[in-house]
Structures are given as structure tokens and as C-alpha cells.
Amino acid sequence: MADIQVRDKLYIDGAWVPSTGSDTIDVINSATEEVMGRVPEATSADVDKAVAAARRAFETWSTTSAEERSKYLQRIAEGLQTRTMDIANVVAQELGMPINLSMIIQAGLPTVTFSSMPQLVDEIAWEETVGNSLVVKEPIGVIGAI
């Protein structure tokens, strides 16, 4: 049995914090059916805190220039790039995916997405006339995703 990686905190409001609950979720290796990791199970209070933090961050983010946002996206891409093998290995084990595909899809695709967005931001028509209407594209707010 391999060492179990335990993550005991959630990333909320720019910091790693304990969950308000005590339950955990086992991460299973698809090939061996052994527990390969354990993460905290977020509670509704944890989700509420995360949404509130994201809402506060949205106020600043929505007024941040496209150039500055591009810099953040590039830094995220660079961080993913340095961890490609770690990401690919863990995801390959959890999903039962061949490592070469995990490197391309699970680690590579997000890296490419984040690194290409800064170049694409200049190509987006933030305002355009459609018929006799002006269509303006702007941030609308916080979303939650599982």
C-alpha cells in the first residue's frame, strides 16, 4: 500500500483553512481500489465562506485591467507547468488514465488554456454592434462549480 496523501485544509479567501466539519472524502486509486488520499468534506458553511470571499474578490477582479489579468493567468500557467508530472501522476491514478494521456489532457490542457488566454484577450470584441443594439461583454459575478 502506497503512502496516503492527506490534505486537511480547504483553500478559502486566500488561505488554507480547516473545514468547519470533521468529515473527509477518500480519494481512491482506480487501478488498485486502495485509498490514495484523503481530503476534507466541505460543509455548507465552508461553501458560504468561499462564495462570500469570491464575491468580495470579484469587486477588485472585475475592475482589474485585461493586461493585469493576463499576467495572473500566465503565472497560473507557469505554476501548472512546473507541476505537470505531479498533476499527471495523481490524476492518472485516480481516474485510471494512462500517464501519457493524463500529461496531455489533465495537466497539459489547463496549462495551455491559461497560457493562451492572455493572447486571446486582445482578440475578444468586448463591445460590438449587432443590428441596432450594442452588445457589451463584462463580468457578471461569482459562480460555483463542482
N, C-alpha and C. Protein backbone atom coordinates (compact mmCIF):
# COMPACT_ATOMS: atom_id res chain seq x y z
N MET A 1 0.84 -1.18 0.00
CA MET A 1 0.00 0.00 0.00
C MET A 1 0.88 1.24 0.00
N ALA A 2 0.61 2.14 -0.91
CA ALA A 2 1.38 3.38 -1.02
C ALA A 2 0.99 4.34 0.10
N ASP A 3 1.83 5.33 0.32
CA ASP A 3 1.51 6.35 1.32
C ASP A 3 0.25 7.09 0.91
N ILE A 4 -0.59 7.36 1.89
CA ILE A 4 -1.82 8.11 1.64
C ILE A 4 -1.51 9.59 1.81
N GLN A 5 -1.84 10.38 0.79
CA GLN A 5 -1.67 11.82 0.88
C GLN A 5 -2.91 12.40 1.55
N VAL A 6 -2.69 13.11 2.65
CA VAL A 6 -3.80 13.71 3.38
C VAL A 6 -3.70 15.22 3.26
N ARG A 7 -4.76 15.79 2.76
CA ARG A 7 -4.90 17.25 2.70
C ARG A 7 -5.99 17.58 3.71
N ASP A 8 -5.65 18.36 4.73
CA ASP A 8 -6.62 18.58 5.80
C ASP A 8 -7.21 19.99 5.82
N LYS A 9 -6.97 20.74 4.76
CA LYS A 9 -7.48 22.11 4.73
C LYS A 9 -8.13 22.41 3.37
N LEU A 10 -8.97 23.43 3.38
CA LEU A 10 -9.62 23.94 2.18
C LEU A 10 -9.03 25.31 1.87
N TYR A 11 -8.94 25.65 0.59
CA TYR A 11 -8.41 26.97 0.21
C TYR A 11 -9.57 27.93 0.08
N ILE A 12 -9.70 28.82 1.06
CA ILE A 12 -10.81 29.78 1.10
C ILE A 12 -10.26 31.16 1.44
N ASP A 13 -10.62 32.13 0.64
CA ASP A 13 -10.27 33.53 0.91
C ASP A 13 -8.75 33.74 0.99
N GLY A 14 -8.03 33.07 0.10
CA GLY A 14 -6.59 33.27 0.02
C GLY A 14 -5.76 32.55 1.06
N ALA A 15 -6.36 31.61 1.77
CA ALA A 15 -5.61 30.90 2.82
C ALA A 15 -6.10 29.46 2.93
N TRP A 16 -5.21 28.59 3.39
CA TRP A 16 -5.58 27.21 3.68
C TRP A 16 -6.17 27.19 5.08
N VAL A 17 -7.44 26.79 5.18
CA VAL A 17 -8.15 26.80 6.46
C VAL A 17 -8.81 25.45 6.71
N PRO A 18 -8.98 25.09 7.99
CA PRO A 18 -9.68 23.83 8.28
C PRO A 18 -11.15 23.93 7.89
N SER A 19 -11.74 22.82 7.53
CA SER A 19 -13.18 22.77 7.28
C SER A 19 -13.90 22.99 8.61
N THR A 20 -15.11 23.51 8.52
CA THR A 20 -15.91 23.65 9.74
C THR A 20 -16.50 22.31 10.17
N GLY A 21 -16.38 21.31 9.31
CA GLY A 21 -16.85 19.96 9.64
C GLY A 21 -15.69 19.04 9.91
N SER A 22 -16.00 17.80 10.23
CA SER A 22 -14.94 16.84 10.53
C SER A 22 -14.91 15.67 9.55
N ASP A 23 -15.86 15.62 8.62
CA ASP A 23 -15.90 14.50 7.67
C ASP A 23 -14.83 14.66 6.60
N THR A 24 -14.40 13.53 6.06
CA THR A 24 -13.41 13.53 4.99
C THR A 24 -13.92 12.68 3.82
N ILE A 25 -13.26 12.85 2.69
CA ILE A 25 -13.57 12.06 1.50
C ILE A 25 -12.31 11.30 1.11
N ASP A 26 -12.43 10.00 0.93
CA ASP A 26 -11.31 9.20 0.47
C ASP A 26 -11.16 9.34 -1.03
N VAL A 27 -9.91 9.49 -1.48
CA VAL A 27 -9.60 9.50 -2.90
C VAL A 27 -9.08 8.11 -3.23
N ILE A 28 -9.70 7.45 -4.20
CA ILE A 28 -9.42 6.05 -4.50
C ILE A 28 -8.56 5.91 -5.76
N ASN A 29 -7.55 5.05 -5.68
CA ASN A 29 -6.75 4.69 -6.84
C ASN A 29 -7.59 3.73 -7.68
N SER A 30 -7.90 4.12 -8.90
CA SER A 30 -8.77 3.31 -9.76
C SER A 30 -8.18 1.94 -10.09
N ALA A 31 -6.88 1.84 -10.16
CA ALA A 31 -6.25 0.57 -10.53
C ALA A 31 -6.23 -0.42 -9.37
N THR A 32 -5.99 0.08 -8.16
CA THR A 32 -5.84 -0.82 -7.01
C THR A 32 -7.04 -0.81 -6.07
N GLU A 33 -7.90 0.16 -6.23
CA GLU A 33 -9.05 0.39 -5.35
C GLU A 33 -8.63 0.69 -3.92
N GLU A 34 -7.37 1.08 -3.73
CA GLU A 34 -6.88 1.48 -2.41
C GLU A 34 -7.06 2.98 -2.24
N VAL A 35 -7.16 3.39 -0.99
CA VAL A 35 -7.23 4.82 -0.69
C VAL A 35 -5.85 5.42 -0.97
N MET A 36 -5.80 6.41 -1.83
CA MET A 36 -4.54 7.07 -2.15
C MET A 36 -4.44 8.46 -1.55
N GLY A 37 -5.57 8.96 -1.08
CA GLY A 37 -5.58 10.29 -0.48
C GLY A 37 -6.84 10.52 0.32
N ARG A 38 -6.81 11.60 1.05
CA ARG A 38 -7.97 11.95 1.86
C ARG A 38 -8.05 13.48 1.90
N VAL A 39 -9.25 13.99 1.69
CA VAL A 39 -9.46 15.44 1.68
C VAL A 39 -10.65 15.78 2.58
N PRO A 40 -10.70 17.01 3.09
CA PRO A 40 -11.84 17.37 3.93
C PRO A 40 -13.11 17.49 3.09
N GLU A 41 -14.22 17.09 3.69
CA GLU A 41 -15.51 17.27 3.03
C GLU A 41 -16.02 18.66 3.43
N ALA A 42 -16.15 19.54 2.45
CA ALA A 42 -16.61 20.89 2.74
C ALA A 42 -18.06 20.87 3.21
N THR A 43 -18.36 21.73 4.16
CA THR A 43 -19.72 21.87 4.65
C THR A 43 -20.41 23.02 3.93
N SER A 44 -21.69 23.17 4.13
CA SER A 44 -22.39 24.31 3.52
C SER A 44 -21.83 25.62 4.07
N ALA A 45 -21.39 25.63 5.33
CA ALA A 45 -20.77 26.84 5.89
C ALA A 45 -19.45 27.15 5.18
N ASP A 46 -18.68 26.11 4.85
CA ASP A 46 -17.43 26.31 4.10
C ASP A 46 -17.72 26.91 2.72
N VAL A 47 -18.74 26.37 2.07
CA VAL A 47 -19.12 26.87 0.74
C VAL A 47 -19.58 28.32 0.85
N ASP A 48 -20.37 28.63 1.85
CA ASP A 48 -20.83 30.01 2.05
C ASP A 48 -19.64 30.96 2.23
N LYS A 49 -18.64 30.54 3.01
CA LYS A 49 -17.44 31.36 3.20
C LYS A 49 -16.69 31.55 1.89
N ALA A 50 -16.58 30.48 1.11
CA ALA A 50 -15.86 30.56 -0.16
C ALA A 50 -16.59 31.47 -1.15
N VAL A 51 -17.91 31.36 -1.20
CA VAL A 51 -18.69 32.21 -2.11
C VAL A 51 -18.59 33.67 -1.68
N ALA A 52 -18.68 33.93 -0.38
CA ALA A 52 -18.56 35.31 0.12
C ALA A 52 -17.18 35.88 -0.22
N ALA A 53 -16.14 35.08 -0.05
CA ALA A 53 -14.78 35.53 -0.38
C ALA A 53 -14.65 35.81 -1.87
N ALA A 54 -15.21 34.92 -2.68
CA ALA A 54 -15.15 35.12 -4.14
C ALA A 54 -15.92 36.37 -4.54
N ARG A 55 -17.04 36.61 -3.88
CA ARG A 55 -17.83 37.80 -4.18
C ARG A 55 -17.04 39.07 -3.86
N ARG A 56 -16.34 39.07 -2.71
CA ARG A 56 -15.51 40.22 -2.36
C ARG A 56 -14.37 40.40 -3.37
N ALA A 57 -13.76 39.29 -3.76
CA ALA A 57 -12.65 39.35 -4.73
C ALA A 57 -13.14 39.83 -6.09
N PHE A 58 -14.38 39.50 -6.42
CA PHE A 58 -14.94 39.89 -7.71
C PHE A 58 -14.94 41.41 -7.88
N GLU A 59 -15.19 42.14 -6.81
CA GLU A 59 -15.22 43.60 -6.89
C GLU A 59 -13.90 44.15 -7.43
N THR A 60 -12.80 43.61 -6.95
CA THR A 60 -11.49 44.05 -7.42
C THR A 60 -11.17 43.46 -8.79
N TRP A 61 -11.39 42.15 -8.94
CA TRP A 61 -11.06 41.46 -10.19
C TRP A 61 -11.80 42.06 -11.38
N SER A 62 -13.06 42.42 -11.20
CA SER A 62 -13.86 42.92 -12.32
C SER A 62 -13.39 44.29 -12.79
N THR A 63 -12.63 45.00 -11.96
CA THR A 63 -12.11 46.30 -12.38
C THR A 63 -10.62 46.24 -12.71
N THR A 64 -10.04 45.05 -12.64
CA THR A 64 -8.63 44.86 -12.97
C THR A 64 -8.47 44.87 -14.49
N SER A 65 -7.45 45.55 -14.96
CA SER A 65 -7.25 45.66 -16.41
C SER A 65 -6.99 44.29 -17.03
N ALA A 66 -7.32 44.19 -18.31
CA ALA A 66 -7.08 42.94 -19.04
C ALA A 66 -5.59 42.59 -19.02
N GLU A 67 -4.75 43.60 -19.11
CA GLU A 67 -3.30 43.36 -19.09
C GLU A 67 -2.87 42.74 -17.76
N GLU A 68 -3.39 43.26 -16.67
CA GLU A 68 -3.03 42.73 -15.35
C GLU A 68 -3.60 41.32 -15.16
N ARG A 69 -4.82 41.10 -15.61
CA ARG A 69 -5.41 39.76 -15.53
C ARG A 69 -4.57 38.76 -16.31
N SER A 70 -4.10 39.19 -17.47
CA SER A 70 -3.27 38.32 -18.31
C SER A 70 -2.02 37.87 -17.56
N LYS A 71 -1.44 38.77 -16.79
CA LYS A 71 -0.25 38.42 -16.01
C LYS A 71 -0.58 37.33 -14.98
N TYR A 72 -1.72 37.45 -14.33
CA TYR A 72 -2.13 36.43 -13.36
C TYR A 72 -2.33 35.08 -14.05
N LEU A 73 -3.00 35.10 -15.18
CA LEU A 73 -3.26 33.85 -15.91
C LEU A 73 -1.95 33.19 -16.34
N GLN A 74 -0.99 34.00 -16.77
CA GLN A 74 0.30 33.46 -17.18
C GLN A 74 1.03 32.84 -15.98
N ARG A 75 0.93 33.46 -14.82
CA ARG A 75 1.56 32.90 -13.62
C ARG A 75 0.92 31.58 -13.22
N ILE A 76 -0.39 31.48 -13.38
CA ILE A 76 -1.07 30.21 -13.10
C ILE A 76 -0.56 29.14 -14.06
N ALA A 77 -0.45 29.49 -15.34
CA ALA A 77 0.05 28.54 -16.34
C ALA A 77 1.46 28.08 -15.99
N GLU A 78 2.30 29.00 -15.57
CA GLU A 78 3.67 28.65 -15.19
C GLU A 78 3.69 27.71 -13.98
N GLY A 79 2.81 27.97 -13.01
CA GLY A 79 2.72 27.10 -11.84
C GLY A 79 2.28 25.69 -12.22
N LEU A 80 1.29 25.61 -13.11
CA LEU A 80 0.84 24.30 -13.58
C LEU A 80 1.95 23.59 -14.34
N GLN A 81 2.68 24.33 -15.15
CA GLN A 81 3.77 23.75 -15.95
C GLN A 81 4.83 23.12 -15.05
N THR A 82 5.16 23.78 -13.96
CA THR A 82 6.20 23.24 -13.08
C THR A 82 5.72 21.99 -12.34
N ARG A 83 4.40 21.81 -12.26
CA ARG A 83 3.85 20.66 -11.53
C ARG A 83 3.21 19.64 -12.46
N THR A 84 3.52 19.69 -13.74
CA THR A 84 2.90 18.80 -14.72
C THR A 84 2.97 17.34 -14.32
N MET A 85 4.14 16.86 -13.95
CA MET A 85 4.29 15.44 -13.61
C MET A 85 3.50 15.07 -12.36
N ASP A 86 3.54 15.92 -11.35
CA ASP A 86 2.78 15.65 -10.12
C ASP A 86 1.29 15.56 -10.42
N ILE A 87 0.78 16.53 -11.17
CA ILE A 87 -0.64 16.55 -11.52
C ILE A 87 -1.00 15.32 -12.34
N ALA A 88 -0.20 15.05 -13.36
CA ALA A 88 -0.48 13.92 -14.26
C ALA A 88 -0.47 12.59 -13.50
N ASN A 89 0.50 12.40 -12.62
CA ASN A 89 0.58 11.14 -11.85
C ASN A 89 -0.62 10.94 -10.94
N VAL A 90 -0.98 11.95 -10.20
CA VAL A 90 -2.11 11.82 -9.27
C VAL A 90 -3.41 11.58 -10.02
N VAL A 91 -3.64 12.37 -11.07
CA VAL A 91 -4.88 12.22 -11.83
C VAL A 91 -4.92 10.88 -12.55
N ALA A 92 -3.80 10.43 -13.07
CA ALA A 92 -3.76 9.13 -13.75
C ALA A 92 -4.15 8.01 -12.79
N GLN A 93 -3.66 8.08 -11.57
CA GLN A 93 -4.01 7.07 -10.56
C GLN A 93 -5.49 7.14 -10.19
N GLU A 94 -5.98 8.34 -9.96
CA GLU A 94 -7.37 8.48 -9.53
C GLU A 94 -8.35 8.09 -10.63
N LEU A 95 -8.09 8.51 -11.86
CA LEU A 95 -9.01 8.24 -12.96
C LEU A 95 -8.76 6.92 -13.67
N GLY A 96 -7.59 6.33 -13.43
CA GLY A 96 -7.24 5.12 -14.16
C GLY A 96 -6.88 5.43 -15.60
N MET A 97 -6.29 6.58 -15.82
CA MET A 97 -5.94 7.06 -17.15
C MET A 97 -4.46 6.81 -17.41
N PRO A 98 -4.09 6.39 -18.62
CA PRO A 98 -2.66 6.25 -18.94
C PRO A 98 -1.93 7.57 -18.70
N ILE A 99 -0.72 7.47 -18.16
CA ILE A 99 0.03 8.66 -17.78
C ILE A 99 0.27 9.59 -18.97
N ASN A 100 0.53 9.03 -20.16
CA ASN A 100 0.78 9.92 -21.31
C ASN A 100 -0.45 10.74 -21.66
N LEU A 101 -1.64 10.16 -21.51
CA LEU A 101 -2.87 10.92 -21.76
C LEU A 101 -3.13 11.91 -20.64
N SER A 102 -2.84 11.52 -19.42
CA SER A 102 -3.02 12.42 -18.29
C SER A 102 -2.13 13.65 -18.43
N MET A 103 -0.90 13.44 -18.91
CA MET A 103 0.00 14.58 -19.12
C MET A 103 -0.56 15.54 -20.15
N ILE A 104 -1.13 15.01 -21.21
CA ILE A 104 -1.66 15.85 -22.28
C ILE A 104 -2.98 16.51 -21.88
N ILE A 105 -3.90 15.71 -21.36
CA ILE A 105 -5.26 16.19 -21.12
C ILE A 105 -5.41 16.85 -19.75
N GLN A 106 -5.07 16.13 -18.70
CA GLN A 106 -5.35 16.61 -17.34
C GLN A 106 -4.37 17.67 -16.86
N ALA A 107 -3.12 17.59 -17.29
CA ALA A 107 -2.13 18.59 -16.89
C ALA A 107 -1.86 19.58 -18.02
N GLY A 108 -1.74 19.07 -19.22
CA GLY A 108 -1.38 19.93 -20.35
C GLY A 108 -2.46 20.89 -20.80
N LEU A 109 -3.69 20.41 -20.92
CA LEU A 109 -4.77 21.26 -21.42
C LEU A 109 -5.03 22.48 -20.54
N PRO A 110 -5.12 22.33 -19.21
CA PRO A 110 -5.29 23.53 -18.39
C PRO A 110 -4.12 24.51 -18.53
N THR A 111 -2.91 23.98 -18.65
CA THR A 111 -1.75 24.85 -18.82
C THR A 111 -1.86 25.65 -20.11
N VAL A 112 -2.22 24.98 -21.19
CA VAL A 112 -2.38 25.65 -22.49
C VAL A 112 -3.51 26.68 -22.41
N THR A 113 -4.60 26.31 -21.76
CA THR A 113 -5.74 27.22 -21.64
C THR A 113 -5.33 28.50 -20.92
N PHE A 114 -4.70 28.36 -19.76
CA PHE A 114 -4.29 29.55 -19.01
C PHE A 114 -3.23 30.36 -19.76
N SER A 115 -2.30 29.69 -20.43
CA SER A 115 -1.25 30.44 -21.12
C SER A 115 -1.73 31.09 -22.40
N SER A 116 -2.78 30.56 -23.03
CA SER A 116 -3.27 31.16 -24.28
C SER A 116 -4.25 32.30 -24.03
N MET A 117 -4.88 32.33 -22.88
CA MET A 117 -5.87 33.38 -22.60
C MET A 117 -5.29 34.79 -22.69
N PRO A 118 -4.08 35.04 -22.18
CA PRO A 118 -3.55 36.40 -22.30
C PRO A 118 -3.45 36.88 -23.75
N GLN A 119 -3.12 35.99 -24.68
CA GLN A 119 -3.05 36.40 -26.08
C GLN A 119 -4.44 36.60 -26.67
N LEU A 120 -5.39 35.80 -26.23
CA LEU A 120 -6.74 35.88 -26.77
C LEU A 120 -7.52 37.09 -26.26
N VAL A 121 -7.14 37.60 -25.10
CA VAL A 121 -7.90 38.70 -24.51
C VAL A 121 -7.94 39.92 -25.43
N ASP A 122 -6.87 40.13 -26.18
CA ASP A 122 -6.84 41.26 -27.12
C ASP A 122 -7.71 41.02 -28.34
N GLU A 123 -8.05 39.76 -28.60
CA GLU A 123 -8.85 39.43 -29.78
C GLU A 123 -10.36 39.43 -29.49
N ILE A 124 -10.73 39.50 -28.22
CA ILE A 124 -12.15 39.47 -27.87
C ILE A 124 -12.78 40.82 -28.15
N ALA A 125 -13.91 40.80 -28.82
CA ALA A 125 -14.66 42.03 -29.06
C ALA A 125 -15.52 42.28 -27.81
N TRP A 126 -15.03 43.14 -26.92
CA TRP A 126 -15.73 43.40 -25.67
C TRP A 126 -17.02 44.18 -25.91
N GLU A 127 -17.04 44.96 -26.97
CA GLU A 127 -18.25 45.66 -27.38
C GLU A 127 -18.41 45.46 -28.87
N GLU A 128 -19.63 45.17 -29.28
CA GLU A 128 -19.89 45.05 -30.71
C GLU A 128 -21.34 45.42 -31.00
N THR A 129 -21.54 45.93 -32.18
CA THR A 129 -22.88 46.28 -32.61
C THR A 129 -23.49 45.10 -33.33
N VAL A 130 -24.67 44.71 -32.89
CA VAL A 130 -25.42 43.63 -33.52
C VAL A 130 -26.77 44.21 -33.90
N GLY A 131 -26.98 44.38 -35.20
CA GLY A 131 -28.20 45.05 -35.65
C GLY A 131 -28.18 46.47 -35.14
N ASN A 132 -29.22 46.87 -34.45
CA ASN A 132 -29.24 48.22 -33.90
C ASN A 132 -28.97 48.24 -32.39
N SER A 133 -28.33 47.16 -31.90
CA SER A 133 -28.02 47.05 -30.47
C SER A 133 -26.52 47.03 -30.23
N LEU A 134 -26.12 47.52 -29.08
CA LEU A 134 -24.73 47.44 -28.66
C LEU A 134 -24.64 46.32 -27.63
N VAL A 135 -23.81 45.31 -27.92
CA VAL A 135 -23.59 44.19 -27.01
C VAL A 135 -22.28 44.44 -26.27
N VAL A 136 -22.36 44.49 -24.94
CA VAL A 136 -21.19 44.73 -24.11
C VAL A 136 -20.94 43.48 -23.28
N LYS A 137 -19.72 42.95 -23.36
CA LYS A 137 -19.35 41.76 -22.59
C LYS A 137 -18.59 42.23 -21.35
N GLU A 138 -19.10 41.84 -20.18
CA GLU A 138 -18.45 42.23 -18.94
C GLU A 138 -18.69 41.15 -17.89
N PRO A 139 -17.83 41.10 -16.86
CA PRO A 139 -18.01 40.10 -15.82
C PRO A 139 -19.36 40.25 -15.14
N ILE A 140 -20.00 39.12 -14.84
CA ILE A 140 -21.32 39.20 -14.21
C ILE A 140 -21.32 38.78 -12.75
N GLY A 141 -20.30 38.07 -12.31
CA GLY A 141 -20.28 37.71 -10.90
C GLY A 141 -19.67 36.36 -10.61
N VAL A 142 -19.91 35.92 -9.41
CA VAL A 142 -19.33 34.69 -8.88
C VAL A 142 -20.14 33.48 -9.34
N ILE A 143 -19.45 32.40 -9.67
CA ILE A 143 -20.11 31.13 -9.97
C ILE A 143 -19.56 30.07 -9.04
N GLY A 144 -20.30 29.01 -8.88
CA GLY A 144 -19.82 27.86 -8.13
C GLY A 144 -19.73 26.68 -9.09
N ALA A 145 -18.69 25.91 -8.97
CA ALA A 145 -18.52 24.75 -9.85
C ALA A 145 -18.01 23.57 -9.03
N ILE A 146 -18.47 22.39 -9.40
CA ILE A 146 -18.04 21.18 -8.70
C ILE A 146 -17.07 20.43 -9.60
